[in-house]
C-alpha atoms as a PDB file:
ATOM      1  CA  VAL A   1      90.008 212.115 149.373  1.00  0.00           C
ATOM      2  CA  VAL A   2      90.072 212.344 145.579  1.00  0.00           C
ATOM      3  CA  SER A   3      88.139 215.053 143.863  1.00  0.00           C
ATOM      4  CA  THR A   4      87.477 215.266 140.129  1.00  0.00           C
ATOM      5  CA  MET A   5      86.487 218.220 137.952  1.00  0.00           C
ATOM      6  CA  PRO A   6      85.104 217.221 134.512  1.00  0.00           C
ATOM      7  CA  ALA A   7      86.132 219.601 131.783  1.00  0.00           C
ATOM      8  CA  GLN A   8      85.119 219.748 128.199  1.00  0.00           C
ATOM      9  CA  LEU A   9      87.179 221.497 125.568  1.00  0.00           C
ATOM     10  CA  GLN A  10      85.757 222.711 122.339  1.00  0.00           C
ATOM     11  CA  VAL A  11      87.592 222.372 119.152  1.00  0.00           C
ATOM     12  CA  GLY A  12      88.385 225.781 117.759  1.00  0.00           C
ATOM     13  CA  GLN A  13      88.857 227.002 114.235  1.00  0.00           C
ATOM     14  CA  THR A  14      92.229 226.623 112.436  1.00  0.00           C
ATOM     15  CA  SER A  15      93.670 230.099 112.050  1.00  0.00           C
ATOM     16  CA  GLU A  16      97.230 229.242 111.056  1.00  0.00           C
ATOM     17  CA  SER A  17      99.304 226.252 110.022  1.00  0.00           C
ATOM     18  CA  VAL A  18     102.823 225.312 111.112  1.00  0.00           C
ATOM     19  CA  THR A  19     105.048 223.273 108.882  1.00  0.00           C
ATOM     20  CA  VAL A  20     107.901 221.416 110.534  1.00  0.00           C
ATOM     21  CA  VAL A  21     110.652 220.207 108.272  1.00  0.00           C
ATOM     22  CA  GLY A  22     113.488 218.205 109.567  1.00  0.00           C
ATOM     23  CA  GLU A  23     116.260 216.572 107.675  1.00  0.00           C
ATOM     24  CA  LEU A  24     118.359 213.811 109.139  1.00  0.00           C
ATOM     25  CA  PRO A  25     122.048 213.995 108.281  1.00  0.00           C
ATOM     26  CA  LEU A  26     123.046 211.384 105.754  1.00  0.00           C
ATOM     27  CA  VAL A  27     125.329 208.623 106.812  1.00  0.00           C
ATOM     28  CA  ASN A  28     128.778 209.253 105.347  1.00  0.00           C
ATOM     29  CA  SER A  29     129.230 206.276 103.010  1.00  0.00           C
ATOM     30  CA  THR A  30     132.462 207.624 101.409  1.00  0.00           C
ATOM     31  CA  SER A  31     134.746 207.642 104.489  1.00  0.00           C
ATOM     32  CA  ALA A  32     135.435 205.252 107.426  1.00  0.00           C
ATOM     33  CA  THR A  33     136.797 208.159 109.554  1.00  0.00           C
ATOM     34  CA  THR A  34     135.450 208.205 113.077  1.00  0.00           C
ATOM     35  CA  SER A  35     134.911 211.833 113.968  1.00  0.00           C
ATOM     36  CA  ARG A  36     132.829 214.380 116.059  1.00  0.00           C
ATOM     37  CA  GLN A  37     131.876 217.875 115.018  1.00  0.00           C
ATOM     38  CA  ILE A  38     130.848 220.602 117.424  1.00  0.00           C
ATOM     39  CA  ASP A  39     129.266 223.768 116.098  1.00  0.00           C
ATOM     40  CA  THR A  40     129.166 227.293 117.597  1.00  0.00           C
ATOM     41  CA  ARG A  41     125.898 226.711 119.381  1.00  0.00           C
ATOM     42  CA  GLU A  42     127.130 223.776 121.301  1.00  0.00           C
ATOM     43  CA  LEU A  43     130.487 225.521 122.058  1.00  0.00           C
ATOM     44  CA  LEU A  44     128.637 228.484 123.568  1.00  0.00           C
ATOM     45  CA  GLN A  45     125.820 226.751 125.442  1.00  0.00           C
ATOM     46  CA  VAL A  46     127.454 223.669 126.991  1.00  0.00           C
ATOM     47  CA  PRO A  47     129.138 224.823 130.177  1.00  0.00           C
ATOM     48  CA  THR A  48     132.775 223.997 130.904  1.00  0.00           C
ATOM     49  CA  SER A  49     134.995 224.987 133.763  1.00  0.00           C
ATOM     50  CA  THR A  50     137.394 227.057 131.725  1.00  0.00           C
ATOM     51  CA  ARG A  51     135.416 227.750 128.474  1.00  0.00           C
ATOM     52  CA  SER A  52     137.829 225.628 126.386  1.00  0.00           C
ATOM     53  CA  PHE A  53     136.694 223.640 123.290  1.00  0.00           C
ATOM     54  CA  THR A  54     138.895 220.738 124.565  1.00  0.00           C
ATOM     55  CA  HIS A  55     136.465 219.978 127.488  1.00  0.00           C
ATOM     56  CA  LEU A  56     133.646 219.003 125.079  1.00  0.00           C
ATOM     57  CA  LEU A  57     135.869 216.677 123.135  1.00  0.00           C
ATOM     58  CA  SER A  58     136.926 214.754 126.176  1.00  0.00           C
ATOM     59  CA  ALA A  59     133.414 213.264 126.511  1.00  0.00           C
ATOM     60  CA  GLU A  60     133.727 211.296 123.194  1.00  0.00           C
ATOM     61  CA  PRO A  61     134.241 207.554 123.031  1.00  0.00           C
ATOM     62  CA  GLY A  62     137.825 206.600 123.259  1.00  0.00           C
ATOM     63  CA  VAL A  63     138.964 210.065 124.584  1.00  0.00           C
ATOM     64  CA  SER A  64     139.924 210.577 128.276  1.00  0.00           C
ATOM     65  CA  ALA A  65     141.408 213.519 130.095  1.00  0.00           C
ATOM     66  CA  ASP A  66     141.728 214.924 133.611  1.00  0.00           C
ATOM     67  CA  VAL A  67     139.480 217.711 134.718  1.00  0.00           C
ATOM     68  CA  PRO A  68     141.551 220.911 134.919  1.00  0.00           C
ATOM     69  CA  SER A  69     141.477 223.337 137.794  1.00  0.00           C
ATOM     70  CA  ALA A  70     139.267 226.272 137.046  1.00  0.00           C
ATOM     71  CA  LEU A  71     141.521 228.551 139.093  1.00  0.00           C
ATOM     72  CA  VAL A  72     144.767 227.972 137.205  1.00  0.00           C
ATOM     73  CA  ASN A  73     145.858 230.964 135.108  1.00  0.00           C
ATOM     74  CA  GLY A  74     146.452 229.541 131.584  1.00  0.00           C
ATOM     75  CA  THR A  75     144.748 228.601 128.388  1.00  0.00           C
ATOM     76  CA  GLY A  76     142.327 226.374 130.177  1.00  0.00           C
ATOM     77  CA  ASN A  77     142.927 223.645 127.688  1.00  0.00           C
ATOM     78  CA  ILE A  78     143.233 219.964 128.524  1.00  0.00           C
ATOM     79  CA  SER A  79     145.262 217.517 126.466  1.00  0.00           C
ATOM     80  CA  PRO A  80     143.233 214.378 126.080  1.00  0.00           C
ATOM     81  CA  SER A  81     144.425 210.905 125.428  1.00  0.00           C
ATOM     82  CA  VAL A  82     142.796 209.527 122.321  1.00  0.00           C
ATOM     83  CA  ASN A  83     142.441 205.705 122.038  1.00  0.00           C
ATOM     84  CA  GLY A  84     144.923 205.053 124.823  1.00  0.00           C
ATOM     85  CA  LEU A  85     147.855 207.000 123.190  1.00  0.00           C
ATOM     86  CA  ARG A  86     149.912 209.644 124.927  1.00  0.00           C
ATOM     87  CA  THR A  87     148.495 213.115 125.291  1.00  0.00           C
ATOM     88  CA  THR A  88     151.326 214.406 123.091  1.00  0.00           C
ATOM     89  CA  SER A  89     150.279 212.109 120.184  1.00  0.00           C
ATOM     90  CA  ASN A  90     147.618 214.519 118.944  1.00  0.00           C
ATOM     91  CA  SER A  91     147.757 216.966 116.017  1.00  0.00           C
ATOM     92  CA  VAL A  92     146.021 220.355 115.756  1.00  0.00           C
ATOM     93  CA  GLN A  93     144.994 222.222 112.568  1.00  0.00           C
ATOM     94  CA  PHE A  94     143.797 225.822 112.744  1.00  0.00           C
ATOM     95  CA  ASN A  95     141.901 226.887 109.572  1.00  0.00           C
ATOM     96  CA  GLY A  96     143.725 224.164 107.660  1.00  0.00           C
ATOM     97  CA  ILE A  97     147.210 225.120 108.902  1.00  0.00           C
ATOM     98  CA  ASP A  98     149.174 222.790 111.044  1.00  0.00           C
ATOM     99  CA  ALA A  99     149.217 224.259 114.551  1.00  0.00           C
ATOM    100  CA  THR A 100     150.635 221.372 116.509  1.00  0.00           C
ATOM    101  CA  ASN A 101     152.515 222.866 119.480  1.00  0.00           C
ATOM    102  CA  LEU A 102     155.442 224.511 117.627  1.00  0.00           C
ATOM    103  CA  SER A 103     157.321 225.188 120.826  1.00  0.00           C
ATOM    104  CA  SER A 104     157.820 221.545 121.707  1.00  0.00           C
ATOM    105  CA  ASN A 105     156.867 219.856 118.487  1.00  0.00           C
ATOM    106  CA  GLU A 106     154.312 217.823 120.388  1.00  0.00           C
ATOM    107  CA  GLY A 107     150.526 217.402 120.032  1.00  0.00           C
ATOM    108  CA  SER A 108     149.814 218.580 123.543  1.00  0.00           C
ATOM    109  CA  LEU A 109     146.766 220.944 123.635  1.00  0.00           C
ATOM    110  CA  SER A 110     147.399 222.192 127.112  1.00  0.00           C
ATOM    111  CA  ASP A 111     149.890 224.763 126.063  1.00  0.00           C
ATOM    112  CA  ASN A 112     148.592 225.375 122.548  1.00  0.00           C
ATOM    113  CA  ILE A 113     146.150 227.877 121.090  1.00  0.00           C
ATOM    114  CA  SER A 114     142.929 228.554 122.916  1.00  0.00           C
ATOM    115  CA  PRO A 115     140.594 230.704 120.864  1.00  0.00           C
ATOM    116  CA  ALA A 116     137.479 232.060 122.535  1.00  0.00           C
ATOM    117  CA  PRO A 117     134.413 229.882 121.740  1.00  0.00           C
ATOM    118  CA  GLU A 118     132.740 233.075 120.217  1.00  0.00           C
ATOM    119  CA  THR A 119     135.334 233.021 117.434  1.00  0.00           C
ATOM    120  CA  LEU A 120     134.984 229.390 116.447  1.00  0.00           C
ATOM    121  CA  ASP A 121     132.575 228.186 113.816  1.00  0.00           C
ATOM    122  CA  GLU A 122     133.278 224.474 114.075  1.00  0.00           C
ATOM    123  CA  VAL A 123     135.520 222.138 115.941  1.00  0.00           C
ATOM    124  CA  LYS A 124     136.167 218.605 114.589  1.00  0.00           C
ATOM    125  CA  LEU A 125     137.898 215.759 116.216  1.00  0.00           C
ATOM    126  CA  GLN A 126     138.906 212.689 114.200  1.00  0.00           C
ATOM    127  CA  THR A 127     139.839 209.746 116.297  1.00  0.00           C
ATOM    128  CA  SER A 128     140.512 206.944 113.938  1.00  0.00           C
ATOM    129  CA  LEU A 129     140.803 205.872 110.261  1.00  0.00           C
ATOM    130  CA  TYR A 130     141.443 209.383 109.043  1.00  0.00           C
ATOM    131  CA  ASP A 131     143.463 209.855 105.805  1.00  0.00           C
ATOM    132  CA  ALA A 132     147.123 210.843 105.379  1.00  0.00           C
ATOM    133  CA  SER A 133     146.361 214.456 104.845  1.00  0.00           C
ATOM    134  CA  VAL A 134     145.736 214.902 108.578  1.00  0.00           C
ATOM    135  CA  GLY A 135     147.489 211.931 109.940  1.00  0.00           C
ATOM    136  CA  ARG A 136     150.614 213.524 111.273  1.00  0.00           C
ATOM    137  CA  SER A 137     150.212 211.925 114.705  1.00  0.00           C
ATOM    138  CA  GLY A 138     148.878 208.577 115.830  1.00  0.00           C
ATOM    139  CA  GLY A 139     146.276 209.987 118.280  1.00  0.00           C
ATOM    140  CA  GLY A 140     143.462 212.358 117.641  1.00  0.00           C
ATOM    141  CA  ASN A 141     143.282 215.062 114.971  1.00  0.00           C
ATOM    142  CA  PHE A 142     141.773 218.352 116.102  1.00  0.00           C
ATOM    143  CA  GLN A 143     140.571 220.780 113.490  1.00  0.00           C
ATOM    144  CA  LEU A 144     139.494 224.285 114.365  1.00  0.00           C
ATOM    145  CA  ILE A 145     137.622 226.497 111.955  1.00  0.00           C
ATOM    146  CA  THR A 146     137.000 230.180 112.808  1.00  0.00           C
ATOM    147  CA  LYS A 147     133.968 232.230 111.743  1.00  0.00           C
ATOM    148  CA  SER A 148     134.133 234.002 108.421  1.00  0.00           C
ATOM    149  CA  GLY A 149     133.337 237.604 107.803  1.00  0.00           C
ATOM    150  CA  THR A 150     130.161 239.024 106.342  1.00  0.00           C
ATOM    151  CA  ASN A 151     129.330 242.166 104.419  1.00  0.00           C
ATOM    152  CA  GLU A 152     127.963 243.843 107.594  1.00  0.00           C
ATOM    153  CA  ILE A 153     129.785 244.877 110.728  1.00  0.00           C
ATOM    154  CA  HIS A 154     128.653 242.645 113.571  1.00  0.00           C
ATOM    155  CA  GLY A 155     130.044 241.583 116.975  1.00  0.00           C
ATOM    156  CA  SER A 156     129.406 240.485 120.517  1.00  0.00           C
ATOM    157  CA  LEU A 157     130.344 241.535 124.024  1.00  0.00           C
ATOM    158  CA  TYR A 158     130.609 238.772 126.690  1.00  0.00           C
ATOM    159  CA  THR A 159     131.549 238.266 130.292  1.00  0.00           C
ATOM    160  CA  PHE A 160     131.577 235.013 132.297  1.00  0.00           C
ATOM    161  CA  VAL A 161     131.958 234.892 136.039  1.00  0.00           C
ATOM    162  CA  GLN A 162     132.519 232.075 138.405  1.00  0.00           C
ATOM    163  CA  ASN A 163     132.377 232.857 142.146  1.00  0.00           C
ATOM    164  CA  GLU A 164     131.845 230.866 145.268  1.00  0.00           C
ATOM    165  CA  ALA A 165     128.837 233.062 145.977  1.00  0.00           C
ATOM    166  CA  PHE A 166     127.046 231.132 143.330  1.00  0.00           C
ATOM    167  CA  ASN A 167     128.027 227.691 144.608  1.00  0.00           C
ATOM    168  CA  ALA A 168     126.601 225.481 147.360  1.00  0.00           C
ATOM    169  CA  ASN A 169     128.894 224.468 150.128  1.00  0.00           C
ATOM    170  CA  ASP A 170     130.073 220.871 150.299  1.00  0.00           C
ATOM    171  CA  TYR A 171     128.104 218.709 152.645  1.00  0.00           C
ATOM    172  CA  PHE A 172     131.217 217.824 154.742  1.00  0.00           C
ATOM    173  CA  TYR A 173     132.430 221.473 154.845  1.00  0.00           C
ATOM    174  CA  ASN A 174     128.991 222.438 156.200  1.00  0.00           C
ATOM    175  CA  ARG A 175     129.063 219.651 158.749  1.00  0.00           C
ATOM    176  CA  ASP A 176     132.489 220.741 159.991  1.00  0.00           C
ATOM    177  CA  GLY A 177     131.722 224.455 159.963  1.00  0.00           C
ATOM    178  CA  ASN A 178     134.098 225.390 157.141  1.00  0.00           C
ATOM    179  CA  ASP A 179     133.436 228.099 154.620  1.00  0.00           C
ATOM    180  CA  LYS A 180     132.995 227.469 150.938  1.00  0.00           C
ATOM    181  CA  PRO A 181     136.274 227.227 149.070  1.00  0.00           C
ATOM    182  CA  ARG A 182     137.200 230.231 147.073  1.00  0.00           C
ATOM    183  CA  ALA A 183     136.462 229.745 143.406  1.00  0.00           C
ATOM    184  CA  ARG A 184     136.724 232.940 141.357  1.00  0.00           C
ATOM    185  CA  ARG A 185     137.258 233.233 137.630  1.00  0.00           C
ATOM    186  CA  HIS A 186     136.293 236.272 135.504  1.00  0.00           C
ATOM    187  CA  GLU A 187     136.588 236.240 131.726  1.00  0.00           C
ATOM    188  CA  GLY A 188     135.377 238.985 129.400  1.00  0.00           C
ATOM    189  CA  GLY A 189     135.938 240.031 125.831  1.00  0.00           C
ATOM    190  CA  PHE A 190     134.383 241.036 122.577  1.00  0.00           C
ATOM    191  CA  THR A 191     134.302 240.016 118.983  1.00  0.00           C
ATOM    192  CA  ILE A 192     133.905 242.202 115.874  1.00  0.00           C
ATOM    193  CA  GLY A 193     133.811 241.291 112.332  1.00  0.00           C
ATOM    194  CA  GLY A 194     132.775 242.798 108.960  1.00  0.00           C
ATOM    195  CA  PRO A 195     133.761 243.301 105.378  1.00  0.00           C
ATOM    196  CA  ILE A 196     137.263 243.796 104.169  1.00  0.00           C
ATOM    197  CA  LEU A 197     137.788 247.509 103.374  1.00  0.00           C
ATOM    198  CA  LYS A 198     139.329 247.860  99.942  1.00  0.00           C
END
C-alpha cells in the first residue's frame, strides 16, 4: 500500500544572503616535485592507532609500511618504504634542520622524533624529483614544521583513550566464547604558547 501526502511550500522572503568563496589551489608549474602536505586539521581529525604523523603518510602513492601495534611502548612512528627503497633511505627535517636519526645515521622514522600532532603546523612528504637541498637520501623526504607563537597566551589540553570496552569483539572470538583482546592505550598532554617575554 502506497500513500501520498501532497504538500505545497510557499516561497519566503529573502532575509539574508550567504556568499561562498572558494579558491582552488594553483597547480605548481615551477617544480616537478611529487609531494603531499598535511595540515594541523588533518593531523588532529584523522584517527591513527598511535597518533603519529607517519601513519597518514603511509597512505600516499608509492609509500608502504606495516601497521604498528598500538600497545607497543615507544614513539608510535612507522618507517615507511618510499618508492620501493629501504625504510632507512628516508631523510627528516624538523623546522628546516636535518633531523635524520642521529643515533644510527639512518633515515628510519621508527626511532626518531615523534612530536604530538597538536604541536605540528604542517607535515610535508616529498617522494620524488625534489631538489638537492633536501635530497640527502634516495627515499622520501619528511619535513615537519611546528606551530609558531602569537602575541597572546594560548594552549590546549588533550587526552586520548583506547580501551577494549569501546571495541566490538571479533566474530571468531565470539563464536568460540573468548573475551575481547586487551587493547589499552592512554595518552594525555597539553600545549601552551605565547609571546616571547623580553
